[in-house]
Protein backbone atom coordinates (compact mmCIF):
# COMPACT_ATOMS: atom_id res chain seq x y z
CA LEU A 1 108.26 1.86 39.13
CA GLU A 2 110.82 2.34 41.99
CA HIS A 3 113.54 1.99 39.26
CA HIS A 4 112.04 4.78 37.16
CA LEU A 5 111.41 6.99 40.20
CA SER A 6 114.94 6.90 41.08
CA ARG A 7 115.85 8.73 37.89
CA ILE A 8 113.53 11.72 38.41
CA PRO A 9 113.95 14.62 40.74
CA PRO A 10 113.64 14.02 44.52
CA GLY A 11 110.88 16.29 45.05
CA ASP A 12 108.78 14.47 42.19
CA ARG A 13 109.75 11.29 43.79
CA SER A 14 108.56 12.19 47.22
CA SER A 15 105.18 13.48 45.52
CA VAL A 16 104.63 10.06 43.84
CA ARG A 17 105.23 8.08 46.89
CA ARG A 18 103.21 10.07 49.21
CA ASN A 19 100.10 9.95 46.77
CA ILE A 20 100.54 6.36 46.64
CA ARG A 21 100.69 6.01 50.53
CA LYS A 22 97.47 8.55 50.55
CA PHE A 23 95.60 5.99 48.19
CA GLU A 24 96.51 3.03 50.18
CA ARG A 25 95.68 4.52 53.58
CA ALA A 26 92.17 5.36 52.50
CA GLY A 27 91.68 1.63 51.97
CA LEU A 28 91.91 1.99 47.96
CA THR A 29 93.12 -0.61 45.70
CA LEU A 30 93.74 -1.22 42.31
CA ALA A 31 91.88 -4.21 40.22
CA PRO A 32 90.40 -5.32 37.02
CA VAL A 33 87.49 -4.00 35.90
CA GLN A 34 84.45 -6.07 36.98
CA GLU A 35 81.22 -7.18 34.98
CA ALA A 36 79.19 -4.89 37.58
CA ASP A 37 80.86 -1.92 36.45
CA LYS A 38 80.27 -2.41 32.78
CA GLN A 39 76.34 -3.35 33.25
CA GLY A 40 75.71 0.31 34.47
CA SER A 41 76.64 3.72 33.66
CA VAL A 42 79.14 4.11 36.42
CA LEU A 43 82.11 4.17 33.98
CA TRP A 44 80.52 6.83 31.84
CA GLU A 45 79.57 8.82 34.92
CA SER A 46 83.28 8.92 35.85
CA TYR A 47 84.56 9.84 32.39
CA VAL A 48 81.86 12.75 31.88
CA PRO A 49 83.44 15.33 34.37
CA PHE A 50 86.93 14.85 32.69
CA TYR A 51 85.35 15.46 29.07
CA ASP A 52 83.47 18.51 30.20
CA ARG A 53 86.77 20.11 31.74
CA ALA A 54 89.11 19.14 29.01
CA MET A 55 90.52 22.04 26.99
CA VAL A 56 91.13 19.45 24.17
CA LYS A 57 88.05 17.54 23.36
CA TRP A 58 88.04 14.27 21.60
CA ILE A 59 84.83 12.50 20.24
CA PRO A 60 82.55 12.10 23.16
CA HIS A 61 81.84 8.63 24.33
CA SER A 62 78.38 7.04 25.28
CA PRO A 63 77.66 4.59 27.97
CA ALA A 64 77.48 2.05 25.66
CA TYR A 65 81.17 2.42 24.48
CA PHE A 66 82.37 1.63 28.00
CA ASP A 67 80.19 -1.37 28.47
CA GLY A 68 82.29 -3.32 25.88
CA ILE A 69 85.66 -1.68 25.41
CA SER A 70 87.48 -3.76 27.76
CA ASP A 71 86.32 -6.92 26.01
CA ILE A 72 87.70 -6.03 22.48
CA SER A 73 90.99 -7.68 22.75
CA ALA A 74 93.99 -8.39 25.05
CA SER A 75 95.71 -5.40 23.91
CA VAL A 76 92.98 -3.03 25.81
CA SER A 77 93.70 -2.80 29.68
CA MET A 78 90.96 -1.25 31.88
CA THR A 79 92.01 -0.95 35.63
CA THR A 80 89.71 0.57 38.44
CA ALA A 81 90.42 2.10 41.80
CA ARG A 82 88.04 0.47 44.24
CA THR A 83 87.03 1.30 47.79
CA ALA A 84 87.29 -0.85 50.86
CA HIS A 85 83.77 -1.75 50.24
CA ASP A 86 84.49 -2.62 46.42
CA GLN A 87 82.77 0.17 44.94
CA LEU A 88 84.34 1.84 41.94
CA ALA A 89 86.08 5.08 42.71
CA GLY A 90 87.73 5.60 39.05
CA PHE A 91 89.14 3.85 36.10
CA ILE A 92 91.91 4.19 33.60
CA LEU A 93 91.82 2.54 30.09
CA ASN A 94 94.87 1.94 28.23
CA PHE A 95 95.94 -0.02 25.09
CA GLU A 96 98.78 -1.24 23.07
CA ASP A 97 99.65 -0.39 19.59
CA GLY A 98 102.66 -2.09 18.28
CA PRO A 99 105.72 -0.79 20.59
CA THR A 100 103.59 1.99 21.91
CA TRP A 101 101.62 2.09 24.96
CA HIS A 102 98.83 4.57 24.85
CA ALA A 103 96.81 6.32 27.62
CA GLY A 104 93.28 5.99 26.62
CA ARG A 105 90.48 7.34 28.87
CA ILE A 106 90.34 8.10 32.39
CA GLY A 107 87.45 8.68 34.88
CA VAL A 108 86.91 9.41 38.44
CA LEU A 109 83.55 9.68 40.11
CA PRO A 110 82.62 13.14 41.39
CA GLN A 111 82.68 11.98 45.03
CA TRP A 112 86.07 11.09 44.77
CA GLU A 113 87.36 13.84 42.65
CA ARG A 114 90.48 15.31 44.03
CA LYS A 115 90.33 13.10 47.23
CA GLU A 116 92.74 10.31 48.38
CA ALA A 117 95.04 10.80 45.32
CA VAL A 118 92.54 8.58 43.21
CA TYR A 119 93.53 10.38 39.81
CA PHE A 120 97.27 10.28 40.57
CA ARG A 121 97.41 6.63 41.36
CA LEU A 122 95.62 5.52 38.25
CA ILE A 123 98.14 7.61 36.32
CA TYR A 124 100.99 6.13 38.11
CA HIS A 125 99.37 2.50 37.26
CA LEU A 126 99.67 3.65 33.64
CA LEU A 127 103.29 4.03 33.98
CA GLU A 128 103.48 0.81 35.73
CA GLU A 129 101.79 -1.13 32.97
CA ALA A 130 104.03 0.49 30.37
CA ILE A 131 107.31 -0.50 32.34
CA ALA A 132 105.83 -4.28 32.95
CA LYS A 133 105.36 -4.64 29.03
CA GLY A 134 108.87 -3.41 28.36
CA THR A 135 107.52 -0.77 26.14
CA GLN A 136 109.81 1.90 24.69
CA LYS A 137 107.09 4.54 24.36
CA LEU A 138 104.25 5.78 26.31
CA LEU A 139 101.93 8.34 24.61
CA LEU A 140 100.02 10.44 27.09
CA GLU A 141 96.96 12.40 26.41
CA PRO A 142 97.29 16.35 25.86
CA THR A 143 96.01 17.16 29.27
CA CYS A 144 97.69 17.70 32.68
CA TYR A 145 100.89 18.85 31.23
CA ARG A 146 102.50 19.91 34.62
CA MET A 147 101.99 16.67 36.46
CA LYS A 148 103.20 14.27 33.55
CA ARG A 149 106.28 16.66 32.89
CA HIS A 150 106.98 15.83 36.78
CA LEU A 151 106.88 12.04 36.00
CA GLY A 152 109.54 12.53 33.41
CA ALA A 153 107.28 12.96 30.21
CA SER A 154 108.26 15.54 27.61
CA TYR A 155 106.25 17.77 25.29
CA ARG A 156 105.81 16.72 21.39
CA PRO A 157 104.16 18.65 18.90
CA LEU A 158 100.80 17.48 17.62
CA VAL A 159 100.35 17.23 13.76
CA ASN A 160 97.01 17.49 12.21
CA LEU A 161 96.18 16.38 8.72
CA VAL A 162 94.35 18.96 6.77
CA TYR A 163 92.42 18.52 3.52
CA GLY A 164 90.92 21.36 1.64
CA LEU A 165 87.73 20.76 -0.15
CA HIS A 166 87.42 24.11 -1.86
CA PRO A 167 89.84 24.84 -4.81
CA LEU A 168 91.00 27.79 -2.98
CA TRP A 169 92.08 25.81 -0.01
CA ARG A 170 93.85 23.43 -1.94
CA LEU A 171 95.72 26.05 -3.75
CA MET A 172 96.74 27.60 -0.51
CA LEU A 173 97.88 23.97 1.14
CA SER A 174 99.76 22.93 -2.00
CA THR A 175 101.64 26.44 -1.98
CA LEU A 176 102.55 26.19 1.60
CA GLN A 177 103.45 22.54 1.76
CA PRO A 178 107.02 22.91 1.22
CA LEU A 179 107.47 25.36 3.98
CA ALA A 180 105.51 23.15 6.15
CA GLN A 181 107.78 19.99 5.55
CA ILE A 182 110.93 22.31 6.55
CA ALA A 183 109.15 23.42 9.74
CA LEU A 184 107.89 19.93 10.70
CA GLY A 185 111.23 18.10 9.52
CA HIS A 186 112.34 17.41 13.06
CA LEU A 187 109.27 15.34 13.77
CA GLY A 188 110.78 12.49 11.70
CA HIS A 189 113.66 12.18 14.11
CA GLN A 190 112.47 11.23 17.85
CA LYS A 191 114.93 10.62 20.61
CA SER A 192 114.54 8.33 23.68
CA SER A 193 114.30 10.14 26.98
CA LYS A 194 116.85 9.81 29.68
CA ASN A 195 114.38 7.68 31.74
CA GLY A 196 114.33 4.77 29.45
CA ILE A 197 110.72 5.32 28.27
CA ASP A 198 109.78 7.65 25.32
CA TYR A 199 107.32 9.72 26.46
CA GLN A 200 104.72 11.85 24.62
């Protein structure tokens, strides 16, 4: 992580280090998810406020989703932020898909929201995991653009698959397809970032 921080602007680098110190001074630590966390609804309670606030909403998850998600395979990683009394303050769930490391879901309990840099430290851990795995591509969610940009991320356009069920829609889509291919042609040529990891 320090090597990566040396490649971003000094102000952003200082902000990351300051947030990590704030997290640690509060007695908080990072640790793997525990069985006790998965037996209750605490993971879901951490996630719900983020879903409610999100401008881009994915399919909502149930408490049962978090109960077993970290046991699916070795490619899924769930890390928690824990208090000095070993209570959960937040979590981040990430997963590996070939050469890409994906940011999955993140949650912070309401009592820790905007406190002691819990959210920021979990995001930094995502970056640490990507570096440790030697990945060349880190895919972030389309939220908190400003903060992620300060970590060295860059914007990438999202492409949605549109399928017309009505004959009129199919006609319109087939007519516009050549123009769409020209407009989106640049998406087939991605470049690595100057920081060594290709962010999205």
